[in-house]
Amino acid sequence: MINQRRGVSSIEFLVSFSVMATVMTFATSMTLNINRVWRDIEHDRLAICELSNQLEELTLLKGESLVERAGRIEPSEFCKRGLSEPRISAKLSSDDLGQRIDLELAWQHPAAERKVRLSGWAIHEKNDVAEKTDQGETP
């Protein structure tokens, strides 16, 4: 008759417990890291949407109203709720395409401050460079 063992030895138990603890530790840390990455992506997406909306509003303005609005630009309430201490700044400059608008949104992040930048042009009258670009030519 064959002698069959019932149960597990203490060595087998220790090995299986250590393997299970290692797998659970790895899975927990991966879950936390993935959660942090998704949160960072959502913050970046919110910041880009905020800058895009602000830039769209600014490109419709011209002259003194553009300068005035750029000087008093501030984040929307939605952005303030979604990001920690958001600060937005606008810089105006002129180039060959027209009035260039550079926007920057910065917010506090647990590790360090994060920033997103977006630029656009307020083109209210056709110039040589804009006409060439419209026709598919390189300026």
Protein backbone atom coordinates (compact mmCIF):
# COMPACT_ATOMS: atom_id res chain seq x y z
CA MET A 1 0.00 0.00 0.00
CA ILE A 2 1.31 3.51 -0.91
CA ASN A 3 1.70 5.93 1.95
CA GLN A 4 -0.08 9.22 1.01
CA ARG A 5 0.62 12.41 2.89
CA ARG A 6 -2.22 14.70 3.89
CA GLY A 7 -1.58 18.43 4.50
CA VAL A 8 1.49 20.61 3.93
CA SER A 9 4.80 20.89 5.68
CA SER A 10 5.96 24.13 7.29
CA ILE A 11 8.62 24.60 4.58
CA GLU A 12 6.01 24.40 1.82
CA PHE A 13 3.81 26.82 3.73
CA LEU A 14 6.64 29.36 4.14
CA VAL A 15 7.60 29.18 0.47
CA SER A 16 4.02 29.61 -0.75
CA PHE A 17 3.41 32.46 1.72
CA SER A 18 6.54 34.33 0.62
CA VAL A 19 5.64 33.92 -3.07
CA MET A 20 2.10 35.17 -2.40
CA ALA A 21 3.37 38.16 -0.38
CA THR A 22 5.82 39.09 -3.16
CA VAL A 23 3.11 38.92 -5.84
CA MET A 24 0.69 40.98 -3.74
CA THR A 25 3.34 43.64 -3.02
CA PHE A 26 4.20 43.89 -6.71
CA ALA A 27 0.52 44.09 -7.74
CA THR A 28 -0.23 46.79 -5.14
CA SER A 29 2.70 48.98 -6.17
CA MET A 30 1.80 48.60 -9.86
CA THR A 31 -1.81 49.57 -9.15
CA LEU A 32 -0.72 52.69 -7.26
CA ASN A 33 1.70 53.70 -10.02
CA ILE A 34 -0.92 53.21 -12.73
CA ASN A 35 -3.39 55.29 -10.72
CA ARG A 36 -0.81 58.11 -10.40
CA VAL A 37 -0.08 58.05 -14.14
CA TRP A 38 -3.79 58.23 -15.03
CA ARG A 39 -4.27 61.15 -12.63
CA ASP A 40 -1.30 62.99 -14.19
CA ILE A 41 -2.70 62.39 -17.68
CA GLU A 42 -6.07 63.75 -16.60
CA HIS A 43 -4.42 66.88 -15.14
CA ASP A 44 -2.45 67.43 -18.36
CA ARG A 45 -5.62 66.98 -20.43
CA LEU A 46 -7.47 69.50 -18.25
CA ALA A 47 -4.61 72.00 -18.57
CA ILE A 48 -4.49 71.66 -22.36
CA CYS A 49 -8.26 72.11 -22.63
CA GLU A 50 -8.07 75.22 -20.44
CA LEU A 51 -5.29 76.75 -22.56
CA SER A 52 -7.08 75.85 -25.77
CA ASN A 53 -10.29 77.54 -24.61
CA GLN A 54 -8.43 80.63 -23.41
CA LEU A 55 -6.42 80.83 -26.65
CA GLU A 56 -9.54 80.51 -28.78
CA GLU A 57 -11.12 83.41 -26.90
CA LEU A 58 -7.97 85.56 -27.21
CA THR A 59 -7.49 84.97 -30.95
CA LEU A 60 -10.91 86.51 -31.61
CA LEU A 61 -9.83 89.81 -30.05
CA LYS A 62 -7.60 92.46 -31.55
CA GLY A 63 -5.87 95.66 -30.64
CA GLU A 64 -6.30 97.14 -27.19
CA SER A 65 -8.97 94.62 -26.14
CA LEU A 66 -6.49 91.77 -26.77
CA VAL A 67 -3.78 93.45 -24.69
CA GLU A 68 -6.24 94.21 -21.89
CA ARG A 69 -7.70 90.68 -21.81
CA ALA A 70 -4.23 89.08 -21.91
CA GLY A 71 -3.17 91.25 -18.98
CA ARG A 72 -6.01 90.09 -16.76
CA ILE A 73 -6.20 86.43 -17.80
CA GLU A 74 -6.97 83.91 -15.07
CA PRO A 75 -7.95 80.22 -14.89
CA SER A 76 -11.60 79.22 -15.13
CA GLU A 77 -13.52 77.88 -12.13
CA PHE A 78 -13.47 74.40 -13.66
CA CYS A 79 -9.69 74.55 -13.90
CA LYS A 80 -9.40 75.80 -10.32
CA ARG A 81 -11.44 72.84 -9.10
CA GLY A 82 -9.43 70.30 -11.11
CA LEU A 83 -5.86 71.52 -10.56
CA SER A 84 -4.02 72.51 -7.41
CA GLU A 85 -3.20 76.24 -7.34
CA PRO A 86 -3.36 76.89 -11.12
CA ARG A 87 -1.69 80.03 -12.50
CA ILE A 88 -2.04 81.17 -16.10
CA SER A 89 0.04 83.76 -17.90
CA ALA A 90 -0.13 85.29 -21.37
CA LYS A 91 2.64 86.89 -23.39
CA LEU A 92 1.99 88.84 -26.59
CA SER A 93 4.51 89.40 -29.35
CA SER A 94 4.43 90.26 -33.05
CA ASP A 95 5.96 88.23 -35.85
CA ASP A 96 5.50 87.65 -39.59
CA LEU A 97 2.17 85.84 -39.13
CA GLY A 98 0.57 88.45 -36.90
CA GLN A 99 0.04 88.85 -33.16
CA ARG A 100 1.52 85.80 -31.39
CA ILE A 101 -0.07 84.71 -28.11
CA ASP A 102 1.93 82.45 -25.78
CA LEU A 103 -0.03 80.95 -22.88
CA GLU A 104 1.40 79.02 -19.96
CA LEU A 105 -0.53 77.19 -17.25
CA ALA A 106 1.35 76.04 -14.14
CA TRP A 107 -0.03 74.12 -11.17
CA GLN A 108 1.26 72.45 -8.04
CA HIS A 109 1.99 68.74 -8.22
CA PRO A 110 3.08 66.60 -5.26
CA ALA A 111 6.54 66.01 -6.75
CA ALA A 112 7.16 69.35 -8.50
CA GLU A 113 5.39 72.16 -10.30
CA ARG A 114 3.95 71.15 -13.67
CA LYS A 115 3.60 73.44 -16.71
CA VAL A 116 1.87 73.31 -20.07
CA ARG A 117 2.41 75.87 -22.85
CA LEU A 118 0.35 76.66 -25.92
CA SER A 119 0.85 79.28 -28.64
CA GLY A 120 -1.39 80.73 -31.29
CA TRP A 121 -1.74 83.70 -33.58
CA ALA A 122 -4.37 86.39 -33.87
CA ILE A 123 -4.37 87.01 -37.63
CA HIS A 124 -6.88 89.71 -38.48
CA GLU A 125 -5.56 90.88 -41.81
CA LYS A 126 -3.91 88.97 -44.63
CA ASN A 127 -0.20 89.39 -45.09
CA ASP A 128 2.23 87.88 -47.60
CA VAL A 129 3.24 84.98 -45.35
CA ALA A 130 -0.37 84.10 -44.48
CA GLU A 131 -1.39 84.16 -48.15
CA LYS A 132 1.48 81.84 -49.13
CA THR A 133 0.58 79.46 -46.29
CA ASP A 134 -3.10 79.45 -47.36
CA GLN A 135 -2.05 78.52 -50.90
CA GLY A 136 0.08 75.60 -49.68
CA GLU A 137 3.43 77.28 -50.27
CA THR A 138 6.21 77.41 -47.72
CA PRO A 139 6.81 80.90 -46.35
